[in-house]
N, C-alpha and C. Protein backbone atom coordinates (compact mmCIF):
# COMPACT_ATOMS: atom_id res chain seq x y z
N MET A 1 -10.34 -10.08 -15.93
CA MET A 1 -9.75 -11.12 -15.11
C MET A 1 -9.65 -10.52 -13.61
N ILE A 2 -9.23 -9.29 -13.48
CA ILE A 2 -9.06 -8.73 -12.18
C ILE A 2 -10.47 -8.71 -11.47
N ARG A 3 -11.50 -8.35 -12.18
CA ARG A 3 -12.86 -8.31 -11.56
C ARG A 3 -13.25 -9.70 -11.07
N PHE A 4 -12.99 -10.66 -11.95
CA PHE A 4 -13.33 -12.07 -11.67
C PHE A 4 -12.65 -12.55 -10.35
N VAL A 5 -11.26 -12.23 -10.31
CA VAL A 5 -10.51 -12.68 -9.18
C VAL A 5 -11.04 -12.00 -7.91
N CYS A 6 -11.27 -10.74 -8.03
CA CYS A 6 -11.80 -10.00 -6.82
C CYS A 6 -13.12 -10.59 -6.38
N GLN A 7 -13.98 -10.92 -7.27
CA GLN A 7 -15.29 -11.53 -6.92
C GLN A 7 -15.08 -12.87 -6.24
N VAL A 8 -14.21 -13.69 -6.78
CA VAL A 8 -13.96 -15.06 -6.29
C VAL A 8 -13.33 -14.94 -4.86
N VAL A 9 -12.42 -14.16 -4.63
CA VAL A 9 -11.73 -14.19 -3.33
C VAL A 9 -12.56 -13.34 -2.30
N ASN A 10 -13.44 -12.52 -2.69
CA ASN A 10 -14.41 -11.82 -1.89
C ASN A 10 -13.81 -11.20 -0.62
N LYS A 11 -12.65 -10.46 -0.84
CA LYS A 11 -11.96 -9.81 0.27
C LYS A 11 -11.36 -10.74 1.30
N ARG A 12 -11.28 -12.05 0.98
CA ARG A 12 -10.57 -12.94 1.99
C ARG A 12 -9.15 -12.79 1.92
N ILE A 13 -8.58 -12.44 0.75
CA ILE A 13 -7.13 -12.11 0.57
C ILE A 13 -7.09 -10.88 -0.28
N PRO A 14 -6.03 -10.11 -0.09
CA PRO A 14 -5.78 -8.92 -1.00
C PRO A 14 -5.48 -9.30 -2.44
N VAL A 15 -5.96 -8.56 -3.34
CA VAL A 15 -5.65 -8.77 -4.76
C VAL A 15 -4.73 -7.62 -5.18
N VAL A 16 -3.55 -7.97 -5.66
CA VAL A 16 -2.59 -6.99 -6.16
C VAL A 16 -2.56 -7.21 -7.70
N ALA A 17 -3.00 -6.22 -8.42
CA ALA A 17 -3.19 -6.36 -9.87
C ALA A 17 -1.98 -5.79 -10.58
N GLY A 18 -1.44 -6.48 -11.54
CA GLY A 18 -0.32 -6.00 -12.34
C GLY A 18 -0.82 -5.10 -13.37
N THR A 19 -0.52 -3.75 -13.23
CA THR A 19 -1.02 -2.76 -14.17
C THR A 19 0.07 -1.92 -14.79
N GLY A 20 1.30 -2.48 -14.79
CA GLY A 20 2.40 -1.76 -15.32
C GLY A 20 2.42 -1.70 -16.81
N SER A 21 2.97 -0.67 -17.29
CA SER A 21 3.09 -0.50 -18.74
C SER A 21 4.30 0.43 -19.05
N ASN A 22 4.89 0.33 -20.22
CA ASN A 22 5.89 1.18 -20.66
C ASN A 22 5.42 2.64 -20.89
N CYS A 23 4.11 2.71 -21.13
CA CYS A 23 3.44 3.98 -21.40
C CYS A 23 2.69 4.44 -20.10
N THR A 24 3.06 5.64 -19.61
CA THR A 24 2.44 6.18 -18.41
C THR A 24 0.95 6.25 -18.56
N GLU A 25 0.42 6.80 -19.65
CA GLU A 25 -1.05 6.87 -19.78
C GLU A 25 -1.72 5.55 -19.74
N THR A 26 -1.11 4.54 -20.29
CA THR A 26 -1.71 3.15 -20.23
C THR A 26 -1.68 2.64 -18.73
N ALA A 27 -0.58 2.85 -18.09
CA ALA A 27 -0.48 2.43 -16.73
C ALA A 27 -1.46 3.11 -15.81
N VAL A 28 -1.74 4.36 -16.07
CA VAL A 28 -2.86 5.03 -15.31
C VAL A 28 -4.12 4.49 -15.59
N TYR A 29 -4.41 4.26 -16.84
CA TYR A 29 -5.69 3.67 -17.32
C TYR A 29 -5.95 2.29 -16.71
N LEU A 30 -4.93 1.40 -16.87
CA LEU A 30 -5.05 0.10 -16.28
C LEU A 30 -5.24 0.09 -14.76
N SER A 31 -4.55 1.05 -14.12
CA SER A 31 -4.63 1.08 -12.65
C SER A 31 -5.95 1.60 -12.20
N THR A 32 -6.55 2.54 -12.86
CA THR A 32 -7.86 3.03 -12.53
C THR A 32 -8.94 1.92 -12.76
N GLU A 33 -8.76 1.16 -13.82
CA GLU A 33 -9.69 0.10 -14.18
C GLU A 33 -9.61 -0.96 -13.01
N ALA A 34 -8.33 -1.29 -12.61
CA ALA A 34 -8.11 -2.29 -11.61
C ALA A 34 -8.81 -1.90 -10.29
N LYS A 35 -8.72 -0.58 -9.91
CA LYS A 35 -9.39 -0.19 -8.72
C LYS A 35 -10.89 -0.32 -8.84
N LYS A 36 -11.45 0.07 -9.97
CA LYS A 36 -12.85 -0.16 -10.28
C LYS A 36 -13.30 -1.56 -10.09
N ALA A 37 -12.40 -2.46 -10.52
CA ALA A 37 -12.66 -3.86 -10.53
C ALA A 37 -12.54 -4.47 -9.11
N GLY A 38 -12.01 -3.71 -8.14
CA GLY A 38 -11.91 -4.17 -6.80
C GLY A 38 -10.49 -4.58 -6.26
N ALA A 39 -9.50 -4.24 -7.08
CA ALA A 39 -8.14 -4.58 -6.62
C ALA A 39 -7.75 -3.77 -5.30
N ASP A 40 -6.95 -4.37 -4.46
CA ASP A 40 -6.55 -3.87 -3.28
C ASP A 40 -5.14 -3.10 -3.38
N GLY A 41 -4.43 -3.40 -4.39
CA GLY A 41 -3.12 -2.86 -4.59
C GLY A 41 -2.68 -2.97 -6.08
N LEU A 42 -1.56 -2.36 -6.40
CA LEU A 42 -1.11 -2.39 -7.71
C LEU A 42 0.36 -2.86 -7.80
N LEU A 43 0.70 -3.56 -8.86
CA LEU A 43 2.15 -3.90 -9.11
C LEU A 43 2.50 -3.19 -10.38
N LEU A 44 3.47 -2.26 -10.34
CA LEU A 44 3.95 -1.55 -11.50
C LEU A 44 5.36 -1.90 -11.82
N VAL A 45 5.59 -2.12 -13.10
CA VAL A 45 6.94 -2.37 -13.61
C VAL A 45 7.46 -1.04 -14.03
N SER A 46 8.75 -0.81 -13.97
CA SER A 46 9.31 0.46 -14.47
C SER A 46 9.24 0.44 -16.03
N PRO A 47 9.09 1.60 -16.57
CA PRO A 47 9.20 1.67 -18.04
C PRO A 47 10.48 1.07 -18.59
N TYR A 48 10.40 0.11 -19.48
CA TYR A 48 11.60 -0.58 -20.02
C TYR A 48 12.55 0.35 -20.61
N TYR A 49 13.76 0.18 -20.29
CA TYR A 49 14.96 0.94 -20.82
C TYR A 49 14.92 2.45 -20.52
N ASN A 50 14.08 2.88 -19.60
CA ASN A 50 14.01 4.26 -19.23
C ASN A 50 15.08 4.49 -18.14
N LYS A 51 16.21 5.14 -18.42
CA LYS A 51 17.20 5.41 -17.46
C LYS A 51 17.10 6.74 -16.75
N SER A 52 16.19 7.49 -17.16
CA SER A 52 16.03 8.85 -16.50
C SER A 52 15.39 8.66 -15.11
N THR A 53 16.10 9.05 -14.12
CA THR A 53 15.52 8.94 -12.72
C THR A 53 14.32 9.86 -12.61
N GLU A 54 14.34 11.03 -13.18
CA GLU A 54 13.20 12.00 -13.13
C GLU A 54 12.00 11.32 -13.94
N GLY A 55 12.30 10.76 -15.09
CA GLY A 55 11.25 10.11 -15.77
C GLY A 55 10.50 8.97 -15.09
N LEU A 56 11.29 8.18 -14.36
CA LEU A 56 10.72 7.10 -13.54
C LEU A 56 9.92 7.69 -12.44
N LYS A 57 10.37 8.76 -11.85
CA LYS A 57 9.64 9.39 -10.72
C LYS A 57 8.30 9.92 -11.22
N VAL A 58 8.35 10.54 -12.40
CA VAL A 58 7.08 11.12 -12.98
C VAL A 58 6.17 9.98 -13.33
N HIS A 59 6.67 8.90 -13.90
CA HIS A 59 5.82 7.78 -14.28
C HIS A 59 5.04 7.22 -13.10
N PHE A 60 5.76 6.86 -11.99
CA PHE A 60 5.09 6.26 -10.84
C PHE A 60 4.24 7.31 -10.12
N SER A 61 4.68 8.57 -10.09
CA SER A 61 3.87 9.64 -9.50
C SER A 61 2.49 9.81 -10.13
N GLU A 62 2.56 9.81 -11.45
CA GLU A 62 1.26 9.98 -12.16
C GLU A 62 0.25 8.84 -11.85
N VAL A 63 0.73 7.64 -11.72
CA VAL A 63 -0.17 6.54 -11.34
C VAL A 63 -0.65 6.78 -9.88
N ALA A 64 0.25 7.14 -9.03
CA ALA A 64 -0.09 7.34 -7.61
C ALA A 64 -1.10 8.50 -7.36
N LYS A 65 -1.01 9.51 -8.24
CA LYS A 65 -2.00 10.60 -8.14
C LYS A 65 -3.35 10.24 -8.66
N ALA A 66 -3.39 9.25 -9.67
CA ALA A 66 -4.68 8.86 -10.28
C ALA A 66 -5.39 7.83 -9.49
N VAL A 67 -4.76 7.02 -8.65
CA VAL A 67 -5.33 5.86 -7.99
C VAL A 67 -4.86 5.85 -6.50
N ASP A 68 -5.81 5.85 -5.57
CA ASP A 68 -5.49 5.78 -4.20
C ASP A 68 -5.43 4.35 -3.73
N LEU A 69 -4.39 3.65 -4.14
CA LEU A 69 -4.17 2.27 -3.75
C LEU A 69 -2.68 2.08 -3.44
N PRO A 70 -2.33 1.17 -2.53
CA PRO A 70 -0.88 0.90 -2.36
C PRO A 70 -0.26 0.33 -3.66
N ILE A 71 0.98 0.76 -3.88
CA ILE A 71 1.67 0.45 -5.12
C ILE A 71 3.01 -0.21 -4.80
N LEU A 72 3.20 -1.36 -5.43
CA LEU A 72 4.54 -2.11 -5.42
C LEU A 72 5.21 -1.70 -6.73
N CYS A 73 6.38 -1.22 -6.63
CA CYS A 73 7.18 -0.87 -7.85
C CYS A 73 8.27 -1.91 -8.07
N THR A 74 8.42 -2.30 -9.27
CA THR A 74 9.59 -3.17 -9.64
C THR A 74 10.50 -2.43 -10.52
N CYS A 75 11.74 -2.61 -10.42
CA CYS A 75 12.74 -1.94 -11.33
C CYS A 75 13.52 -2.95 -11.98
N THR A 76 13.46 -2.97 -13.31
CA THR A 76 14.18 -4.01 -13.98
C THR A 76 15.69 -3.57 -14.18
N ASP A 77 16.56 -4.48 -14.53
CA ASP A 77 17.90 -4.20 -14.78
C ASP A 77 18.07 -3.28 -15.96
N ARG A 78 17.03 -3.21 -16.85
CA ARG A 78 17.13 -2.45 -18.04
C ARG A 78 17.11 -0.99 -17.81
N THR A 79 16.68 -0.48 -16.61
CA THR A 79 16.68 0.94 -16.38
C THR A 79 18.02 1.44 -15.88
N GLY A 80 18.82 0.58 -15.31
CA GLY A 80 20.13 1.00 -14.76
C GLY A 80 19.98 1.90 -13.52
N VAL A 81 18.72 1.88 -12.90
CA VAL A 81 18.42 2.70 -11.76
C VAL A 81 17.93 1.83 -10.62
N ASN A 82 18.48 2.02 -9.40
CA ASN A 82 18.00 1.31 -8.28
C ASN A 82 17.36 2.35 -7.38
N TYR A 83 16.19 2.20 -6.97
CA TYR A 83 15.56 3.18 -6.05
C TYR A 83 14.73 2.47 -4.96
N HIS A 84 14.67 3.15 -3.89
CA HIS A 84 14.01 2.69 -2.68
C HIS A 84 13.30 3.83 -2.01
N PRO A 85 12.16 3.63 -1.34
CA PRO A 85 11.48 4.67 -0.66
C PRO A 85 12.44 5.32 0.39
N GLY A 86 12.52 6.60 0.40
CA GLY A 86 13.30 7.28 1.38
C GLY A 86 14.85 7.29 1.09
N ASP A 87 15.24 6.85 -0.10
CA ASP A 87 16.70 6.92 -0.37
C ASP A 87 17.17 8.37 -0.49
N ASP A 88 18.46 8.52 -0.49
CA ASP A 88 19.05 9.85 -0.50
C ASP A 88 18.69 10.62 -1.80
N ARG A 89 18.43 9.99 -2.84
CA ARG A 89 18.04 10.71 -4.09
C ARG A 89 16.66 11.14 -4.07
N GLY A 90 15.80 10.60 -3.11
CA GLY A 90 14.45 11.08 -3.02
C GLY A 90 13.58 10.55 -4.15
N MET A 91 13.99 9.41 -4.77
CA MET A 91 13.19 8.86 -5.94
C MET A 91 11.77 8.59 -5.61
N CYS A 92 11.48 8.09 -4.45
CA CYS A 92 10.07 7.70 -4.11
C CYS A 92 9.42 8.61 -3.11
N LYS A 93 10.03 9.73 -2.69
CA LYS A 93 9.35 10.67 -1.86
C LYS A 93 8.17 11.28 -2.50
N GLY A 94 7.04 11.34 -1.81
CA GLY A 94 5.86 11.90 -2.31
C GLY A 94 5.07 10.93 -3.22
N ILE A 95 5.62 9.75 -3.39
CA ILE A 95 4.81 8.75 -4.24
C ILE A 95 3.97 7.96 -3.27
């Protein structure tokens, strides 16, 4: 579907592909496939019920290392963690 949408819009508008998963390995795989298909950015959901701030950082960092695309991160209420780029806890620094 991502490849089809990218072909149809033909770079007239950016395509942000939802490649989030509760599994880091799956999120990395889906993200690399989305890039191959022509996506301009990624939308990642935080792993559900993962309250570990370090675990969330590792999850998003692994995707960012694997794919050189802009990433939008969403954080559900289920994680109990609120994070923003440049916050005092450094959650998104280096991502």
